[in-house]
Each structure stands twice: as structure tokens, then as C-alpha cells.
């Protein structure tokens, strides 16, 4: 028996609003049937899917797992994502890699990495 990654799920206060943000970032529509309680983004035939589930508690500490997105133009992509509602937290240049850590509208950390 083997397993594969099917979905990345975000706990959040408003599933449809957070899905709309990530939909704009990923340039892929929110799936039909989205609500404040549950929403999803299916990236065509690609896995993983992205799920958003309403939970009663808010985020209180740093994420232990986060998404890394890759781009050919780091500065332009960070500017675009910040304009969509993200907050830039930090910039890094380490080990031959360059990336920016951002926060989505609900404070979840994610990185945008310059394509090597």
C-alpha cells in the first residue's frame, strides 16, 4: 500500500474569503459550493487540492507547516501577492536561495521562492 498527498488544508475563520485570496494567488478559481464553513481550490489535474475549513479558534502561533511557492520574478510576484492582501514578513538570502515569507489574510505563513 502507498499514499500520496491529496490536499493541503487551512483552518480559518472564513473559508470562502481565505479561498478567494488563495484563488487569486494561485490564479485558479474557487470550486463551486464554497461557503464560509468550507471551500476548496482544485488545481486542474494537479495535486494537492487546497481546502479551507472554518474552525472556532484563531491562529495563535507560527505555522509548523507552510506552502512554498516558486516564481521566476520574486520581486514582482511578492508585489502582486501583497496587493491581493498578503503581508510581507521577511526576506531571506541563504544557502544559494532567495525567498520572501508572507502572511495570508488570516496570518498563515507561506514563502515565495525565487526559481533557481
C-alpha atoms as a PDB file:
ATOM      1  CA  UNK A   1       0.000   0.000   0.000  1.00  0.00           C
ATOM      2  CA  UNK A   2       1.211   3.533  -0.739  1.00  0.00           C
ATOM      3  CA  UNK A   3      -0.044   7.015  -0.049  1.00  0.00           C
ATOM      4  CA  UNK A   4       0.187  10.331  -1.866  1.00  0.00           C
ATOM      5  CA  UNK A   5      -0.598  13.887  -0.877  1.00  0.00           C
ATOM      6  CA  UNK A   6      -4.182  14.698  -1.800  1.00  0.00           C
ATOM      7  CA  UNK A   7      -4.839  18.072  -0.174  1.00  0.00           C
ATOM      8  CA  UNK A   8      -3.397  20.866   1.925  1.00  0.00           C
ATOM      9  CA  UNK A   9      -5.994  22.124   4.402  1.00  0.00           C
ATOM     10  CA  UNK A  10      -6.084  25.515   6.091  1.00  0.00           C
ATOM     11  CA  UNK A  11      -8.008  26.048   9.317  1.00  0.00           C
ATOM     12  CA  UNK A  12      -9.561  29.501   9.157  1.00  0.00           C
ATOM     13  CA  UNK A  13     -12.274  31.863  10.358  1.00  0.00           C
ATOM     14  CA  UNK A  14     -13.942  32.301   6.938  1.00  0.00           C
ATOM     15  CA  UNK A  15     -13.307  29.537   4.411  1.00  0.00           C
ATOM     16  CA  UNK A  16     -14.712  31.269   1.340  1.00  0.00           C
ATOM     17  CA  UNK A  17     -12.811  34.517   1.978  1.00  0.00           C
ATOM     18  CA  UNK A  18      -9.487  32.752   2.517  1.00  0.00           C
ATOM     19  CA  UNK A  19     -10.146  30.541  -0.528  1.00  0.00           C
ATOM     20  CA  UNK A  20     -10.764  33.667  -2.619  1.00  0.00           C
ATOM     21  CA  UNK A  21      -7.387  35.085  -1.558  1.00  0.00           C
ATOM     22  CA  UNK A  22      -5.569  31.845  -2.418  1.00  0.00           C
ATOM     23  CA  UNK A  23      -7.580  31.537  -5.629  1.00  0.00           C
ATOM     24  CA  UNK A  24      -6.184  34.891  -6.736  1.00  0.00           C
ATOM     25  CA  UNK A  25      -2.652  33.931  -5.672  1.00  0.00           C
ATOM     26  CA  UNK A  26      -2.778  30.588  -7.484  1.00  0.00           C
ATOM     27  CA  UNK A  27      -4.774  32.021 -10.409  1.00  0.00           C
ATOM     28  CA  UNK A  28      -7.261  29.173 -10.176  1.00  0.00           C
ATOM     29  CA  UNK A  29     -10.985  29.507  -9.352  1.00  0.00           C
ATOM     30  CA  UNK A  30     -12.617  28.554  -6.091  1.00  0.00           C
ATOM     31  CA  UNK A  31     -14.608  25.345  -6.558  1.00  0.00           C
ATOM     32  CA  UNK A  32     -18.407  25.541  -6.738  1.00  0.00           C
ATOM     33  CA  UNK A  33     -20.278  25.225  -3.464  1.00  0.00           C
ATOM     34  CA  UNK A  34     -17.882  27.335  -1.383  1.00  0.00           C
ATOM     35  CA  UNK A  35     -19.264  28.691   1.882  1.00  0.00           C
ATOM     36  CA  UNK A  36     -17.919  30.427   4.983  1.00  0.00           C
ATOM     37  CA  UNK A  37     -17.599  26.941   6.540  1.00  0.00           C
ATOM     38  CA  UNK A  38     -15.798  25.029   3.782  1.00  0.00           C
ATOM     39  CA  UNK A  39     -14.236  25.853   0.429  1.00  0.00           C
ATOM     40  CA  UNK A  40     -11.715  24.325  -1.933  1.00  0.00           C
ATOM     41  CA  UNK A  41      -9.481  25.021  -4.910  1.00  0.00           C
ATOM     42  CA  UNK A  42      -8.751  22.266  -7.397  1.00  0.00           C
ATOM     43  CA  UNK A  43      -5.638  22.928  -9.474  1.00  0.00           C
ATOM     44  CA  UNK A  44      -6.873  21.184 -12.605  1.00  0.00           C
ATOM     45  CA  UNK A  45      -5.448  17.677 -12.714  1.00  0.00           C
ATOM     46  CA  UNK A  46      -2.669  18.610 -10.293  1.00  0.00           C
ATOM     47  CA  UNK A  47      -2.476  17.550  -6.679  1.00  0.00           C
ATOM     48  CA  UNK A  48      -2.670  18.644  -3.981  1.00  0.00           C
ATOM     49  CA  UNK A  49      -6.061  20.290  -3.775  1.00  0.00           C
ATOM     50  CA  UNK A  50      -6.339  23.226  -1.369  1.00  0.00           C
ATOM     51  CA  UNK A  51      -9.061  23.032   1.317  1.00  0.00           C
ATOM     52  CA  UNK A  52     -10.257  25.694   3.738  1.00  0.00           C
ATOM     53  CA  UNK A  53     -12.198  24.684   6.840  1.00  0.00           C
ATOM     54  CA  UNK A  54     -13.784  27.028   9.370  1.00  0.00           C
ATOM     55  CA  UNK A  55     -12.649  26.386  12.938  1.00  0.00           C
ATOM     56  CA  UNK A  56     -13.777  28.171  16.117  1.00  0.00           C
ATOM     57  CA  UNK A  57     -10.322  29.156  17.368  1.00  0.00           C
ATOM     58  CA  UNK A  58      -7.957  31.693  15.804  1.00  0.00           C
ATOM     59  CA  UNK A  59      -4.317  31.181  14.879  1.00  0.00           C
ATOM     60  CA  UNK A  60      -2.027  31.822  17.854  1.00  0.00           C
ATOM     61  CA  UNK A  61       1.475  30.593  16.930  1.00  0.00           C
ATOM     62  CA  UNK A  62       3.760  30.155  13.926  1.00  0.00           C
ATOM     63  CA  UNK A  63       2.736  27.512  11.393  1.00  0.00           C
ATOM     64  CA  UNK A  64       4.666  24.254  11.705  1.00  0.00           C
ATOM     65  CA  UNK A  65       3.974  23.503   8.028  1.00  0.00           C
ATOM     66  CA  UNK A  66       3.678  26.070   5.257  1.00  0.00           C
ATOM     67  CA  UNK A  67       3.385  26.330   1.476  1.00  0.00           C
ATOM     68  CA  UNK A  68       6.399  27.260  -0.652  1.00  0.00           C
ATOM     69  CA  UNK A  69       5.521  28.822  -3.997  1.00  0.00           C
ATOM     70  CA  UNK A  70       8.169  29.270  -6.703  1.00  0.00           C
ATOM     71  CA  UNK A  71       8.448  32.093  -9.223  1.00  0.00           C
ATOM     72  CA  UNK A  72      10.765  33.382 -11.933  1.00  0.00           C
ATOM     73  CA  UNK A  73      10.370  37.005 -10.736  1.00  0.00           C
ATOM     74  CA  UNK A  74      10.408  37.169  -6.948  1.00  0.00           C
ATOM     75  CA  UNK A  75      10.011  40.943  -6.577  1.00  0.00           C
ATOM     76  CA  UNK A  76       7.078  41.158  -8.993  1.00  0.00           C
ATOM     77  CA  UNK A  77       5.295  38.152  -7.506  1.00  0.00           C
ATOM     78  CA  UNK A  78       5.666  39.384  -3.934  1.00  0.00           C
ATOM     79  CA  UNK A  79       4.312  42.781  -5.002  1.00  0.00           C
ATOM     80  CA  UNK A  80       1.330  41.089  -6.735  1.00  0.00           C
ATOM     81  CA  UNK A  81       0.509  38.881  -3.751  1.00  0.00           C
ATOM     82  CA  UNK A  82       0.805  41.759  -1.277  1.00  0.00           C
ATOM     83  CA  UNK A  83      -1.627  43.741  -3.462  1.00  0.00           C
ATOM     84  CA  UNK A  84      -4.050  40.788  -3.117  1.00  0.00           C
ATOM     85  CA  UNK A  85      -3.999  41.110   0.678  1.00  0.00           C
ATOM     86  CA  UNK A  86      -0.870  39.356   1.965  1.00  0.00           C
ATOM     87  CA  UNK A  87       1.580  40.964   4.369  1.00  0.00           C
ATOM     88  CA  UNK A  88       5.317  40.732   3.751  1.00  0.00           C
ATOM     89  CA  UNK A  89       7.052  39.461   6.871  1.00  0.00           C
ATOM     90  CA  UNK A  90      10.720  38.937   5.903  1.00  0.00           C
ATOM     91  CA  UNK A  91      13.190  38.483   3.041  1.00  0.00           C
ATOM     92  CA  UNK A  92      15.907  35.823   3.043  1.00  0.00           C
ATOM     93  CA  UNK A  93      19.089  35.045   1.095  1.00  0.00           C
ATOM     94  CA  UNK A  94      20.526  31.794   2.429  1.00  0.00           C
ATOM     95  CA  UNK A  95      22.302  28.749   1.032  1.00  0.00           C
ATOM     96  CA  UNK A  96      22.058  29.956  -2.552  1.00  0.00           C
ATOM     97  CA  UNK A  97      18.306  30.547  -2.286  1.00  0.00           C
ATOM     98  CA  UNK A  98      16.269  33.733  -2.094  1.00  0.00           C
ATOM     99  CA  UNK A  99      12.714  33.910  -0.754  1.00  0.00           C
ATOM    100  CA  UNK A 100      10.162  36.104   0.960  1.00  0.00           C
ATOM    101  CA  UNK A 101       7.980  34.994   3.847  1.00  0.00           C
ATOM    102  CA  UNK A 102       4.452  36.377   3.633  1.00  0.00           C
ATOM    103  CA  UNK A 103       1.305  36.115   5.743  1.00  0.00           C
ATOM    104  CA  UNK A 104      -2.072  35.427   4.166  1.00  0.00           C
ATOM    105  CA  UNK A 105      -5.078  37.489   5.372  1.00  0.00           C
ATOM    106  CA  UNK A 106      -5.576  35.135   8.347  1.00  0.00           C
ATOM    107  CA  UNK A 107      -1.895  35.207   9.364  1.00  0.00           C
ATOM    108  CA  UNK A 108      -0.765  31.882   7.880  1.00  0.00           C
ATOM    109  CA  UNK A 109       2.901  31.985   6.853  1.00  0.00           C
ATOM    110  CA  UNK A 110       3.984  30.982   3.354  1.00  0.00           C
ATOM    111  CA  UNK A 111       7.094  31.509   1.261  1.00  0.00           C
ATOM    112  CA  UNK A 112       7.588  32.748  -2.269  1.00  0.00           C
ATOM    113  CA  UNK A 113      10.901  31.382  -3.544  1.00  0.00           C
ATOM    114  CA  UNK A 114      12.976  32.659  -6.467  1.00  0.00           C
ATOM    115  CA  UNK A 115      13.336  29.924  -9.050  1.00  0.00           C
ATOM    116  CA  UNK A 116      16.915  28.670  -9.079  1.00  0.00           C
END
